[in-house]
Amino acid sequence: MSGQSIMDRVVAAKHSIAGQGLAKSVCKATTEEVMGPKKKHLDYLLQCTNEPNVSIPQLADLLIERTQHQSWVVVFKSLITIHNLMNYGNERFTQYLASNNCTFNLGNFIDKGGVQEGKTISGYDMSTFIRRYSKYLNEKATSYRNMAFDFCKVKRGKDDGLLRTMNADKLLKSLPALQRQIDALIEFDCTPNELTNGVINACFLLMFKDLIRLFACYNDGIINLLEKYFDMNKKQCKDALEIYKRFLVRMDKVSEFLKVAEAPSSLLDALEQHLQALEGKKGAVTPTNSKPAGYTSAINSISSNSTIQISDEEKKRILDEENNRLQMLKEQRLKEVGSPPQSAQQPSSTNPFATSPVSTSSNLLGSPTTAEPTKASDDLLSLTGNPFVENVQHVMAMNAAVSTMNTQPQFATPAWNNAPSTNNVTGLYVIYHT
């Protein structure tokens, strides 16, 4: 059994006889089965929004009509289908809902029924989520009508993100609209114990994805707001401060939904002080030509908000690796400035710019002498640790032997315990071509 009710089959057959293919597809996507709308029906309706010969108003009206059904399952699945079309369908669908002020009048919806597939599902409880869900979709359409774009679809990121690059006036208008949409979404307020069937699960997944996108836009907007705050006039600063306060309040609720880090609130006092200084209040001081302490860290903390969760063991491992890396860098730095620690008397063999200690070696004439400390440029070819160094030294030794046979007086073969001289032309040629 597919789970479709007799009424579902009768309505579908009626539309088939009447040749109303679009109405039949809407009916198939919003049956009384306690499961999310089937993908094949959603895909068909999504394709319909891109067809020039399909009437978007007719499609929207058919779905809105299904939201007036008495069964909570049909109403819930109708809202889910509308949400899918708004997110993934042609933008003409959202434009129609926004421009024609199509609202879902479900503030008083209630369904007291509910035994489905042998499981007792409270229609009364599901009706509560339907009312909250319809409120969010209404706010989503209203936001599009006011802003002429969908916050869930705009570009995000610090380079070309819409809210990250927006000017101050438009930003102060956009952020309140975004906050209202986030508020409506968070009010859905569903716990894991209430995700008891496929219908509400499909709804929750769509809202979860929406909140991730909205939260990314929210971060971009707040970062842009903070960057522009100290260049705003008094009225703009007052509005921006209220937006930032609301941002801090919402972080607690958003963190419950997305499990993200809480935004820093230490910057709030500095922002309030700046506004008070612009208003001429006594005792208010604003730093001159500088941002307050914590300004940069606050922006970085907001930027780094993430939904990724790390276990305590993983955190400890990462911190240990970081500490070891910092210690290595510290020792390397001490070597570079000429103050090696007690544990390391010789410079690092992998650092071509480390200063070699004074050593006694033989010069080209064979007489022992005290060599000057090796300069940083003496090992630019990185012979130390070079797997081909033995071949290079062998060739250079042969060249030196030939030179001693053809040149008077006889010169001693140079010692190779130090870095080879780069004055030998043949040796340079071999090194570069090795």
Protein backbone atom coordinates (compact mmCIF):
# COMPACT_ATOMS: atom_id res chain seq x y z
CA MET A 1 0.00 0.00 0.00
CA SER A 2 1.31 3.40 -0.94
CA GLY A 3 -0.49 5.05 1.97
CA GLN A 4 -2.55 7.38 -0.20
CA SER A 5 -6.09 7.86 0.98
CA ILE A 6 -9.12 7.12 -1.16
CA MET A 7 -9.78 10.85 -1.38
CA ASP A 8 -6.25 11.40 -2.77
CA ARG A 9 -6.92 8.89 -5.53
CA VAL A 10 -10.33 10.34 -6.33
CA VAL A 11 -8.99 13.90 -6.62
CA ALA A 12 -6.07 12.76 -8.80
CA ALA A 13 -8.43 10.82 -11.08
CA LYS A 14 -10.74 13.83 -11.39
CA HIS A 15 -7.86 16.05 -12.51
CA SER A 16 -6.70 13.40 -14.97
CA ILE A 17 -10.13 13.17 -16.57
CA ALA A 18 -10.35 16.95 -16.79
CA GLY A 19 -6.91 17.10 -18.40
CA GLN A 20 -5.54 19.27 -15.61
CA GLY A 21 -1.99 17.93 -15.39
CA LEU A 22 -0.69 20.72 -13.20
CA ALA A 23 -3.47 20.31 -10.65
CA LYS A 24 -2.86 16.55 -10.62
CA SER A 25 0.86 17.05 -9.88
CA VAL A 26 0.05 19.42 -7.03
CA CYS A 27 -2.36 16.86 -5.62
CA LYS A 28 0.27 14.09 -5.92
CA ALA A 29 2.85 16.21 -4.05
CA THR A 30 0.43 16.98 -1.23
CA THR A 31 -1.25 13.69 -0.48
CA GLU A 32 -2.31 12.53 2.99
CA GLU A 33 0.65 10.15 3.28
CA VAL A 34 2.66 10.88 6.42
CA MET A 35 5.90 11.48 4.55
CA GLY A 36 7.59 14.40 2.83
CA PRO A 37 6.59 15.26 -0.74
CA LYS A 38 8.11 12.76 -3.17
CA LYS A 39 11.13 13.95 -5.10
CA LYS A 40 9.68 13.08 -8.50
CA HIS A 41 6.66 15.30 -7.88
CA LEU A 42 8.80 18.16 -6.55
CA ASP A 43 11.15 17.90 -9.53
CA TYR A 44 8.22 18.09 -11.92
CA LEU A 45 6.82 21.20 -10.22
CA LEU A 46 10.26 22.82 -10.13
CA GLN A 47 10.57 22.23 -13.86
CA CYS A 48 7.13 23.75 -14.36
CA THR A 49 8.32 27.04 -12.86
CA ASN A 50 10.90 27.27 -15.67
CA GLU A 51 8.45 26.55 -18.49
CA PRO A 52 7.17 29.65 -20.29
CA ASN A 53 3.82 28.03 -21.06
CA VAL A 54 3.07 27.22 -17.40
CA SER A 55 1.07 29.80 -15.49
CA ILE A 56 2.91 30.72 -12.28
CA PRO A 57 -0.21 32.35 -10.77
CA GLN A 58 -2.19 29.18 -11.41
CA LEU A 59 0.47 27.01 -9.81
CA ALA A 60 0.71 29.27 -6.76
CA ASP A 61 -3.07 29.44 -6.39
CA LEU A 62 -3.36 25.65 -6.55
CA LEU A 63 -0.83 25.26 -3.74
CA ILE A 64 -2.40 28.01 -1.64
CA GLU A 65 -5.76 26.29 -2.08
CA ARG A 66 -4.27 23.06 -0.72
CA THR A 67 -3.16 24.92 2.43
CA GLN A 68 -6.85 25.40 3.26
CA HIS A 69 -7.35 21.63 3.61
CA GLN A 70 -8.59 20.22 6.90
CA SER A 71 -5.82 17.61 7.23
CA TRP A 72 -2.59 18.79 8.83
CA VAL A 73 -0.62 16.45 6.55
CA VAL A 74 -1.94 18.06 3.36
CA VAL A 75 -1.42 21.57 4.71
CA PHE A 76 2.08 20.84 5.97
CA LYS A 77 3.15 19.22 2.68
CA SER A 78 1.67 22.12 0.72
CA LEU A 79 3.83 24.57 2.68
CA ILE A 80 6.88 22.36 2.18
CA THR A 81 6.24 22.28 -1.57
CA ILE A 82 5.89 26.07 -1.66
CA HIS A 83 9.14 26.42 0.29
CA ASN A 84 10.94 24.16 -2.20
CA LEU A 85 9.68 26.19 -5.13
CA MET A 86 10.78 29.44 -3.48
CA ASN A 87 14.27 28.08 -2.83
CA TYR A 88 14.97 26.05 -5.95
CA GLY A 89 12.38 27.03 -8.53
CA ASN A 90 12.35 29.94 -10.94
CA GLU A 91 12.40 33.31 -9.21
CA ARG A 92 9.11 34.19 -10.92
CA PHE A 93 7.35 32.04 -8.32
CA THR A 94 8.71 34.04 -5.37
CA GLN A 95 8.09 37.29 -7.23
CA TYR A 96 4.44 36.37 -7.66
CA LEU A 97 3.99 35.51 -3.98
CA ALA A 98 5.68 38.76 -2.95
CA SER A 99 4.13 41.15 -5.46
CA ASN A 100 0.58 39.87 -5.01
CA ASN A 101 0.81 39.83 -1.22
CA CYS A 102 -0.07 36.14 -1.10
CA THR A 103 -0.17 35.24 2.57
CA PHE A 104 -0.98 31.98 4.29
CA ASN A 105 -3.83 32.65 6.69
CA LEU A 106 -3.07 29.77 9.03
CA GLY A 107 -2.73 31.63 12.31
CA ASN A 108 -5.78 29.81 13.70
CA PHE A 109 -5.26 26.44 12.00
CA ILE A 110 -5.87 23.40 14.17
CA ASP A 111 -6.36 19.69 13.44
CA LYS A 112 -7.31 17.50 16.38
CA GLY A 113 -7.13 14.27 14.40
CA GLY A 114 -4.32 11.89 14.16
CA VAL A 115 -3.89 8.13 13.88
CA GLN A 116 -1.72 7.35 10.85
CA GLU A 117 -0.09 4.05 9.85
CA GLY A 118 -0.62 2.51 13.26
CA LYS A 119 1.19 5.37 15.03
CA THR A 120 -0.54 8.00 17.07
CA ILE A 121 0.60 11.36 15.69
CA SER A 122 -0.95 14.32 17.37
CA GLY A 123 -2.53 16.57 14.77
CA TYR A 124 -2.89 19.16 17.50
CA ASP A 125 0.88 19.31 18.02
CA MET A 126 1.59 19.36 14.29
CA SER A 127 -0.86 22.24 13.92
CA THR A 128 1.38 24.33 16.17
CA PHE A 129 4.32 23.83 13.82
CA ILE A 130 2.14 24.58 10.80
CA ARG A 131 1.22 27.96 12.25
CA ARG A 132 4.88 28.76 12.94
CA TYR A 133 5.99 27.51 9.53
CA SER A 134 3.41 29.56 7.66
CA LYS A 135 4.50 32.64 9.59
CA TYR A 136 8.09 32.12 8.45
CA LEU A 137 7.08 31.68 4.80
CA ASN A 138 5.00 34.85 5.01
CA GLU A 139 8.02 36.72 6.38
CA LYS A 140 10.23 35.23 3.67
CA ALA A 141 7.89 36.58 0.98
CA THR A 142 7.58 39.95 2.74
CA SER A 143 11.36 40.25 2.96
CA TYR A 144 11.62 39.64 -0.77
CA ARG A 145 8.96 42.27 -1.44
CA ASN A 146 10.82 44.87 0.66
CA MET A 147 14.36 44.11 -0.47
CA ALA A 148 13.79 42.81 -4.04
CA PHE A 149 16.14 39.88 -3.39
CA ASP A 150 16.21 36.66 -1.39
CA PHE A 151 18.73 36.64 1.48
CA CYS A 152 19.15 32.89 1.01
CA LYS A 153 20.34 33.30 -2.58
CA VAL A 154 22.66 36.32 -2.48
CA LYS A 155 26.45 36.05 -2.69
CA ARG A 156 28.28 35.67 0.60
CA GLY A 157 31.89 36.19 1.61
CA LYS A 158 34.21 39.08 2.35
CA ASP A 159 35.31 39.71 -1.24
CA ASP A 160 32.06 40.07 -3.14
CA GLY A 161 29.33 39.28 -0.60
CA LEU A 162 26.28 41.50 -1.03
CA LEU A 163 25.95 42.51 2.63
CA ARG A 164 29.72 42.66 3.11
CA THR A 165 30.12 45.31 0.38
CA MET A 166 26.83 47.18 0.90
CA ASN A 167 26.89 50.91 1.70
CA ALA A 168 25.88 52.11 5.16
CA ASP A 169 22.40 53.43 4.31
CA LYS A 170 21.26 50.28 2.53
CA LEU A 171 22.91 48.10 5.15
CA LEU A 172 20.94 49.76 7.95
CA LYS A 173 17.77 49.01 5.98
CA SER A 174 18.66 45.42 5.07
CA LEU A 175 19.78 44.09 8.45
CA PRO A 176 16.43 44.69 10.25
CA ALA A 177 14.62 42.81 7.45
CA LEU A 178 17.11 39.97 7.77
CA GLN A 179 16.68 39.94 11.54
CA ARG A 180 12.90 39.66 11.23
CA GLN A 181 13.24 36.70 8.90
CA ILE A 182 15.66 34.96 11.26
CA ASP A 183 13.31 35.65 14.18
CA ALA A 184 10.40 34.04 12.34
CA LEU A 185 12.53 31.00 11.52
CA ILE A 186 13.85 30.54 15.05
CA GLU A 187 10.31 30.70 16.44
CA PHE A 188 9.70 27.32 14.81
CA ASP A 189 11.35 26.05 18.03
CA CYS A 190 11.43 22.32 17.33
CA THR A 191 13.26 19.82 19.55
CA PRO A 192 14.70 16.46 18.40
CA ASN A 193 11.96 14.62 20.29
CA GLU A 194 9.33 16.34 18.15
CA LEU A 195 10.80 15.21 14.82
CA THR A 196 8.57 12.17 14.82
CA ASN A 197 7.51 11.82 11.18
CA GLY A 198 8.73 12.40 7.64
CA VAL A 199 6.60 15.51 7.10
CA ILE A 200 8.06 17.62 9.89
CA ASN A 201 11.51 16.22 9.11
CA ALA A 202 11.31 17.52 5.54
CA CYS A 203 10.22 20.91 6.86
CA PHE A 204 12.99 21.05 9.45
CA LEU A 205 15.66 20.25 6.86
CA LEU A 206 14.56 23.12 4.63
CA MET A 207 14.54 25.55 7.55
CA PHE A 208 17.92 24.35 8.76
CA LYS A 209 19.44 25.05 5.35
CA ASP A 210 17.77 28.44 5.26
CA LEU A 211 19.16 29.41 8.65
CA ILE A 212 22.69 28.47 7.62
CA ARG A 213 22.43 30.79 4.61
CA LEU A 214 20.74 33.56 6.58
CA PHE A 215 23.30 33.31 9.35
CA ALA A 216 26.15 33.66 6.85
CA CYS A 217 24.52 36.83 5.48
CA TYR A 218 23.97 38.05 9.04
CA ASN A 219 27.67 37.66 9.81
CA ASP A 220 28.63 39.53 6.63
CA GLY A 221 26.27 42.36 7.46
CA ILE A 222 27.42 42.73 11.08
CA ILE A 223 31.10 42.73 10.07
CA ASN A 224 30.39 45.41 7.47
CA LEU A 225 28.43 47.36 10.08
CA LEU A 226 31.30 47.29 12.57
CA GLU A 227 33.81 48.32 9.93
CA LYS A 228 31.69 51.36 9.03
CA TYR A 229 30.49 52.20 12.55
CA PHE A 230 33.20 54.71 13.48
CA ASP A 231 32.66 56.62 10.26
CA MET A 232 28.88 56.98 10.65
CA ASN A 233 26.97 60.04 11.78
CA LYS A 234 25.04 60.14 15.04
CA LYS A 235 21.73 58.84 13.69
CA GLN A 236 23.40 55.99 11.83
CA CYS A 237 25.43 55.04 14.89
CA LYS A 238 22.28 54.90 16.99
CA ASP A 239 20.56 52.56 14.53
CA ALA A 240 23.70 50.45 14.10
CA LEU A 241 24.08 50.06 17.86
CA GLU A 242 20.52 48.78 18.20
CA ILE A 243 21.14 46.31 15.37
CA TYR A 244 24.29 45.05 17.07
CA LYS A 245 22.46 44.64 20.40
CA ARG A 246 19.78 42.56 18.69
CA PHE A 247 22.53 40.55 17.01
CA LEU A 248 23.98 39.61 20.40
CA VAL A 249 20.56 38.58 21.73
CA ARG A 250 19.83 36.41 18.71
CA MET A 251 23.12 34.55 18.95
CA ASP A 252 21.89 32.55 21.94
CA LYS A 253 18.86 31.35 19.99
CA VAL A 254 20.77 30.76 16.79
CA SER A 255 23.41 28.74 18.65
CA GLU A 256 20.69 26.37 19.84
CA PHE A 257 19.59 25.80 16.26
CA LEU A 258 22.99 25.71 14.57
CA LYS A 259 25.29 24.99 17.52
CA VAL A 260 27.61 27.84 16.69
CA ALA A 261 29.94 29.88 18.88
CA GLU A 262 28.50 32.87 20.69
CA ALA A 263 29.42 36.25 19.24
CA PRO A 264 31.61 38.52 21.37
CA SER A 265 29.77 41.07 23.50
CA SER A 266 32.86 42.89 24.83
CA LEU A 267 32.67 45.34 21.94
CA LEU A 268 29.22 46.53 22.96
CA ASP A 269 30.51 48.97 25.59
CA ALA A 270 32.89 50.62 23.12
CA LEU A 271 30.11 51.07 20.56
CA GLU A 272 27.85 52.64 23.19
CA GLN A 273 30.64 54.99 24.27
CA HIS A 274 31.17 56.13 20.70
CA LEU A 275 27.48 56.89 20.23
CA GLN A 276 27.35 58.80 23.50
CA ALA A 277 30.34 60.85 22.41
CA LEU A 278 28.57 61.78 19.18
CA GLU A 279 25.51 62.78 21.17
CA GLY A 280 27.66 65.01 23.37
CA LYS A 281 27.00 63.20 26.62
CA LYS A 282 29.35 63.85 29.52
CA GLY A 283 31.92 61.22 30.41
CA ALA A 284 31.85 59.60 26.96
CA VAL A 285 35.25 59.24 25.33
CA THR A 286 36.00 57.84 21.89
CA PRO A 287 39.54 56.76 20.97
CA THR A 288 41.15 59.19 18.52
CA ASN A 289 42.18 57.75 15.14
CA SER A 290 42.01 54.21 16.49
CA LYS A 291 39.55 51.42 17.07
CA PRO A 292 38.81 50.23 20.63
CA ALA A 293 40.46 47.22 22.16
CA GLY A 294 38.83 44.01 21.01
CA TYR A 295 37.56 45.52 17.76
CA THR A 296 39.65 43.30 15.50
CA SER A 297 39.16 40.20 17.62
CA ALA A 298 35.40 40.74 17.64
CA ILE A 299 35.26 40.85 13.84
CA ASN A 300 37.53 37.82 13.56
CA SER A 301 35.39 35.90 16.04
CA ILE A 302 32.21 36.70 14.14
CA SER A 303 33.92 35.74 10.87
CA SER A 304 35.00 32.40 12.26
CA ASN A 305 31.54 31.28 13.37
CA SER A 306 31.05 27.75 12.15
CA THR A 307 28.73 24.79 12.54
CA ILE A 308 31.65 22.36 12.84
CA GLN A 309 31.88 20.63 16.21
CA ILE A 310 35.23 19.36 17.57
CA SER A 311 35.59 16.85 20.38
CA ASP A 312 37.69 17.57 23.47
CA GLU A 313 40.28 14.98 22.44
CA GLU A 314 40.61 16.54 19.00
CA LYS A 315 40.95 19.99 20.53
CA LYS A 316 43.75 18.75 22.83
CA ARG A 317 45.58 17.12 19.94
CA ILE A 318 45.37 20.28 17.84
CA LEU A 319 46.58 22.43 20.73
CA ASP A 320 49.53 20.11 21.39
CA GLU A 321 50.53 20.18 17.74
CA GLU A 322 50.24 23.95 17.73
CA ASN A 323 52.42 24.28 20.85
CA ASN A 324 55.09 22.03 19.33
CA ARG A 325 55.04 24.04 16.16
CA LEU A 326 55.37 27.30 18.08
CA GLN A 327 58.34 25.91 20.03
CA MET A 328 60.05 24.92 16.78
CA LEU A 329 59.52 28.37 15.34
CA LYS A 330 60.86 29.94 18.52
CA GLU A 331 64.04 27.87 18.40
CA GLN A 332 64.49 28.63 14.72
CA ARG A 333 64.14 32.33 15.43
CA LEU A 334 66.76 32.16 18.21
CA LYS A 335 69.16 30.48 15.81
CA GLU A 336 68.61 33.15 13.17
CA VAL A 337 69.45 35.98 15.59
CA GLY A 338 72.61 34.19 16.76
CA SER A 339 71.44 33.06 20.22
CA PRO A 340 70.95 29.29 19.97
CA PRO A 341 69.46 27.51 22.97
CA GLN A 342 71.54 25.13 25.06
CA SER A 343 69.96 22.12 23.43
CA ALA A 344 71.16 23.12 19.95
CA GLN A 345 74.81 24.12 19.50
CA GLN A 346 74.79 23.81 15.72
CA PRO A 347 72.56 25.76 13.32
CA SER A 348 69.70 23.96 11.67
CA SER A 349 70.84 21.98 8.64
CA THR A 350 67.65 22.83 6.84
CA ASN A 351 67.97 26.60 7.22
CA PRO A 352 70.01 28.06 4.31
CA PHE A 353 70.16 31.44 6.08
CA ALA A 354 71.53 30.23 9.44
CA THR A 355 75.03 31.45 10.41
CA SER A 356 77.62 28.68 10.64
CA PRO A 357 80.02 28.74 13.60
CA VAL A 358 83.68 29.66 13.20
CA SER A 359 85.65 26.60 12.15
CA THR A 360 89.19 25.69 11.10
CA SER A 361 89.59 24.35 7.56
CA SER A 362 92.14 24.14 4.80
CA ASN A 363 92.22 26.81 2.15
CA LEU A 364 92.95 26.17 -1.51
CA LEU A 365 96.74 26.34 -0.84
CA GLY A 366 96.52 23.63 1.77
CA SER A 367 97.48 25.78 4.74
CA PRO A 368 95.21 25.61 7.74
CA THR A 369 93.47 28.86 8.56
CA THR A 370 90.60 30.14 10.66
CA ALA A 371 87.61 30.61 8.34
CA GLU A 372 85.23 33.48 8.66
CA PRO A 373 81.66 32.63 9.65
CA THR A 374 79.73 31.36 6.63
CA LYS A 375 77.48 34.03 5.17
CA ALA A 376 73.83 33.47 4.37
CA SER A 377 74.56 33.55 0.64
CA ASP A 378 77.26 30.84 0.79
CA ASP A 379 74.73 28.03 0.66
CA LEU A 380 72.06 29.53 -1.58
CA LEU A 381 72.24 26.39 -3.73
CA SER A 382 71.20 24.36 -0.66
CA LEU A 383 73.90 21.72 -0.96
CA THR A 384 73.33 20.80 2.67
CA GLY A 385 70.86 17.96 2.66
CA ASN A 386 70.95 17.78 -1.18
CA PRO A 387 70.71 14.14 -2.33
CA PHE A 388 72.93 14.97 -5.32
CA VAL A 389 75.72 16.60 -3.28
CA GLU A 390 78.02 13.56 -3.54
CA ASN A 391 77.81 13.61 -7.34
CA VAL A 392 78.49 17.33 -7.38
CA GLN A 393 81.48 16.98 -5.06
CA HIS A 394 82.90 14.13 -7.12
CA VAL A 395 82.76 16.15 -10.35
CA MET A 396 84.24 19.20 -8.69
CA ALA A 397 87.04 17.09 -7.17
CA MET A 398 87.92 15.77 -10.63
CA ASN A 399 88.03 19.32 -11.99
CA ALA A 400 90.29 20.37 -9.14
CA ALA A 401 92.63 17.43 -9.82
CA VAL A 402 92.90 18.40 -13.49
CA SER A 403 93.71 21.94 -12.45
CA THR A 404 96.56 20.77 -10.18
CA MET A 405 98.13 18.83 -13.08
CA ASN A 406 98.10 21.81 -15.46
CA THR A 407 98.95 24.57 -13.00
CA GLN A 408 102.20 25.29 -11.15
CA PRO A 409 102.72 25.31 -8.25
CA GLN A 410 100.72 22.23 -7.26
CA PHE A 411 97.65 23.07 -5.13
CA ALA A 412 96.22 20.85 -2.48
CA THR A 413 92.79 19.39 -3.01
CA PRO A 414 90.32 21.47 -1.02
CA ALA A 415 88.55 19.90 1.93
CA TRP A 416 84.84 19.13 1.43
CA ASN A 417 83.77 19.13 5.06
CA ASN A 418 82.37 22.67 4.56
CA ALA A 419 80.00 23.94 1.89
CA PRO A 420 81.70 23.85 -1.56
CA SER A 421 82.90 27.10 -3.07
CA THR A 422 80.57 28.61 -5.63
CA ASN A 423 83.48 30.20 -7.51
CA ASN A 424 84.09 27.09 -9.62
CA VAL A 425 82.34 27.68 -12.92
CA THR A 426 82.12 24.02 -13.82
CA GLY A 427 80.73 23.21 -10.40
CA LEU A 428 78.03 25.87 -10.77
CA TYR A 429 77.03 24.45 -14.13
CA VAL A 430 76.66 20.95 -12.70
CA ILE A 431 74.76 22.19 -9.67
CA TYR A 432 72.26 24.16 -11.65
CA HIS A 433 71.68 21.34 -14.07
CA THR A 434 71.44 18.68 -11.40
